[in-house]
Structures are given as C-alpha cells and as structure tokens.
Amino acid sequence: MLTPSKSDCIALLSAAGRVADAQDVVRLNCQNLGLSQNCLDATATFLMERGCFVHIHGSHGHYEVGGLSLQGKLRLDQLVHG
C-alpha cells in the first residue's frame, strides 16, 4: 500500500477531530472531503492501522469513525505543525 499524502491524512483526521461526544461518529465521504474513493480507502486504512480513531464502523468506502484517539491527535498535530 502506498503512503497517503499529508493533506489527505489531515483531511480525515480533521473530520474525525470534529466529533465532540465519545459515542458520536462521523461518516467519511470522499466527495465531502475532496478525495477520490481510492484515496479515501487508502488513507482511512493507513490511519486505522495506526489506531488514530476511537472506534471504526464499516469498510470498503463506507467508513464511520469516532473521534480521534491520543495517537490520532498526536499525528494530526505533527502533520499540521511538523
């Protein structure tokens, strides 16, 4: 698998970072995020394998994720300010 771009990771992490309640989820939609379906799949898989989300539902283009885990918050901060 190719490593997704920095901007793609920031887009997904930022979307998940908007989740306020631990029980809430956000649906990752490639059109709303400005990504192709393949790019969404690759980036979501990359970030899920690294434990960046509190919880995950779905697969193959239909992803719902909870807020960011500590790892996700650190990765977002590193990407934005790194």
C-alpha atoms as a PDB file:
ATOM      1  CA  MET A   1       0.000   0.000   0.000  1.00  0.00           C
ATOM      2  CA  LEU A   2       1.224   3.467  -0.805  1.00  0.00           C
ATOM      3  CA  THR A   3       1.575   6.019   1.936  1.00  0.00           C
ATOM      4  CA  PRO A   4      -1.196   8.614   1.630  1.00  0.00           C
ATOM      5  CA  SER A   5      -0.347  12.278   1.281  1.00  0.00           C
ATOM      6  CA  LYS A   6      -0.047  14.616   4.221  1.00  0.00           C
ATOM      7  CA  SER A   7      -3.068  16.647   3.087  1.00  0.00           C
ATOM      8  CA  ASP A   8      -5.240  13.518   2.759  1.00  0.00           C
ATOM      9  CA  CYS A   9      -4.355  12.432   6.294  1.00  0.00           C
ATOM     10  CA  ILE A  10      -5.089  15.921   7.616  1.00  0.00           C
ATOM     11  CA  ALA A  11      -8.497  15.910   5.881  1.00  0.00           C
ATOM     12  CA  LEU A  12      -9.570  12.644   7.509  1.00  0.00           C
ATOM     13  CA  LEU A  13      -8.108  13.411  10.919  1.00  0.00           C
ATOM     14  CA  SER A  14      -9.669  16.879  10.928  1.00  0.00           C
ATOM     15  CA  ALA A  15     -13.083  15.442  10.072  1.00  0.00           C
ATOM     16  CA  ALA A  16     -12.825  12.936  12.927  1.00  0.00           C
ATOM     17  CA  GLY A  17     -11.486  15.625  15.247  1.00  0.00           C
ATOM     18  CA  ARG A  18     -14.806  17.476  14.990  1.00  0.00           C
ATOM     19  CA  VAL A  19     -16.601  14.682  16.852  1.00  0.00           C
ATOM     20  CA  ALA A  20     -17.377  16.068  20.301  1.00  0.00           C
ATOM     21  CA  ASP A  21     -19.061  13.156  22.089  1.00  0.00           C
ATOM     22  CA  ALA A  22     -17.282   9.825  22.520  1.00  0.00           C
ATOM     23  CA  GLN A  23     -20.383   7.980  21.270  1.00  0.00           C
ATOM     24  CA  ASP A  24     -20.807  10.082  18.117  1.00  0.00           C
ATOM     25  CA  VAL A  25     -19.425   9.125  14.729  1.00  0.00           C
ATOM     26  CA  VAL A  26     -18.676  10.983  11.534  1.00  0.00           C
ATOM     27  CA  ARG A  27     -19.201   9.436   8.121  1.00  0.00           C
ATOM     28  CA  LEU A  28     -16.150   9.828   5.901  1.00  0.00           C
ATOM     29  CA  ASN A  29     -17.472  10.731   2.466  1.00  0.00           C
ATOM     30  CA  CYS A  30     -14.941  11.072  -0.346  1.00  0.00           C
ATOM     31  CA  GLN A  31     -16.940  13.802  -2.084  1.00  0.00           C
ATOM     32  CA  ASN A  32     -17.256  15.940   1.045  1.00  0.00           C
ATOM     33  CA  LEU A  33     -13.556  15.525   1.790  1.00  0.00           C
ATOM     34  CA  GLY A  34     -12.454  16.247  -1.783  1.00  0.00           C
ATOM     35  CA  LEU A  35     -10.795  12.856  -2.243  1.00  0.00           C
ATOM     36  CA  SER A  36     -11.201  10.076  -4.756  1.00  0.00           C
ATOM     37  CA  GLN A  37     -12.710   6.818  -3.493  1.00  0.00           C
ATOM     38  CA  ASN A  38      -9.359   5.025  -3.849  1.00  0.00           C
ATOM     39  CA  CYS A  39      -7.602   7.800  -1.946  1.00  0.00           C
ATOM     40  CA  LEU A  40     -10.199   7.653   0.854  1.00  0.00           C
ATOM     41  CA  ASP A  41      -9.811   3.881   1.121  1.00  0.00           C
ATOM     42  CA  ALA A  42      -6.010   4.059   1.257  1.00  0.00           C
ATOM     43  CA  THR A  43      -5.901   6.941   3.738  1.00  0.00           C
ATOM     44  CA  ALA A  44      -8.590   5.511   6.019  1.00  0.00           C
ATOM     45  CA  THR A  45      -6.860   2.124   6.074  1.00  0.00           C
ATOM     46  CA  PHE A  46      -3.492   3.753   6.766  1.00  0.00           C
ATOM     47  CA  LEU A  47      -4.881   5.738   9.724  1.00  0.00           C
ATOM     48  CA  MET A  48      -6.961   2.848  11.081  1.00  0.00           C
ATOM     49  CA  GLU A  49      -3.924   0.560  11.127  1.00  0.00           C
ATOM     50  CA  ARG A  50      -2.165   3.179  13.250  1.00  0.00           C
ATOM     51  CA  GLY A  51      -5.000   3.422  15.789  1.00  0.00           C
ATOM     52  CA  CYS A  52      -5.901   7.039  15.067  1.00  0.00           C
ATOM     53  CA  PHE A  53      -9.647   6.731  15.757  1.00  0.00           C
ATOM     54  CA  VAL A  54     -11.538   5.872  18.932  1.00  0.00           C
ATOM     55  CA  HIS A  55     -13.765   3.422  17.039  1.00  0.00           C
ATOM     56  CA  ILE A  56     -14.456   2.436  13.451  1.00  0.00           C
ATOM     57  CA  HIS A  57     -17.519   1.112  11.630  1.00  0.00           C
ATOM     58  CA  GLY A  58     -17.607  -0.123   8.057  1.00  0.00           C
ATOM     59  CA  SER A  59     -15.120  -0.801   5.308  1.00  0.00           C
ATOM     60  CA  HIS A  60     -14.567  -0.570   1.561  1.00  0.00           C
ATOM     61  CA  GLY A  61     -15.559   3.038   1.031  1.00  0.00           C
ATOM     62  CA  HIS A  62     -18.201   3.309   3.737  1.00  0.00           C
ATOM     63  CA  TYR A  63     -16.452   4.436   6.885  1.00  0.00           C
ATOM     64  CA  GLU A  64     -17.839   5.879  10.081  1.00  0.00           C
ATOM     65  CA  VAL A  65     -15.271   6.787  12.701  1.00  0.00           C
ATOM     66  CA  GLY A  66     -15.430   8.108  16.212  1.00  0.00           C
ATOM     67  CA  GLY A  67     -13.279  10.919  17.481  1.00  0.00           C
ATOM     68  CA  LEU A  68      -9.521  10.883  17.489  1.00  0.00           C
ATOM     69  CA  SER A  69      -7.563   8.660  19.812  1.00  0.00           C
ATOM     70  CA  LEU A  70      -4.484  10.077  21.526  1.00  0.00           C
ATOM     71  CA  GLN A  71      -2.420   8.665  18.645  1.00  0.00           C
ATOM     72  CA  GLY A  72      -4.699  10.426  16.154  1.00  0.00           C
ATOM     73  CA  LYS A  73      -4.419  13.749  17.990  1.00  0.00           C
ATOM     74  CA  LEU A  74      -0.635  13.468  18.081  1.00  0.00           C
ATOM     75  CA  ARG A  75      -0.452  12.531  14.397  1.00  0.00           C
ATOM     76  CA  LEU A  76      -2.713  15.443  13.400  1.00  0.00           C
ATOM     77  CA  ASP A  77      -0.623  17.869  15.441  1.00  0.00           C
ATOM     78  CA  GLN A  78       2.561  16.502  13.898  1.00  0.00           C
ATOM     79  CA  LEU A  79       1.179  16.790  10.359  1.00  0.00           C
ATOM     80  CA  VAL A  80      -0.134  20.324  10.844  1.00  0.00           C
ATOM     81  CA  HIS A  81       2.813  21.740  12.779  1.00  0.00           C
ATOM     82  CA  GLY A  82       5.520  19.271  11.830  1.00  0.00           C
END
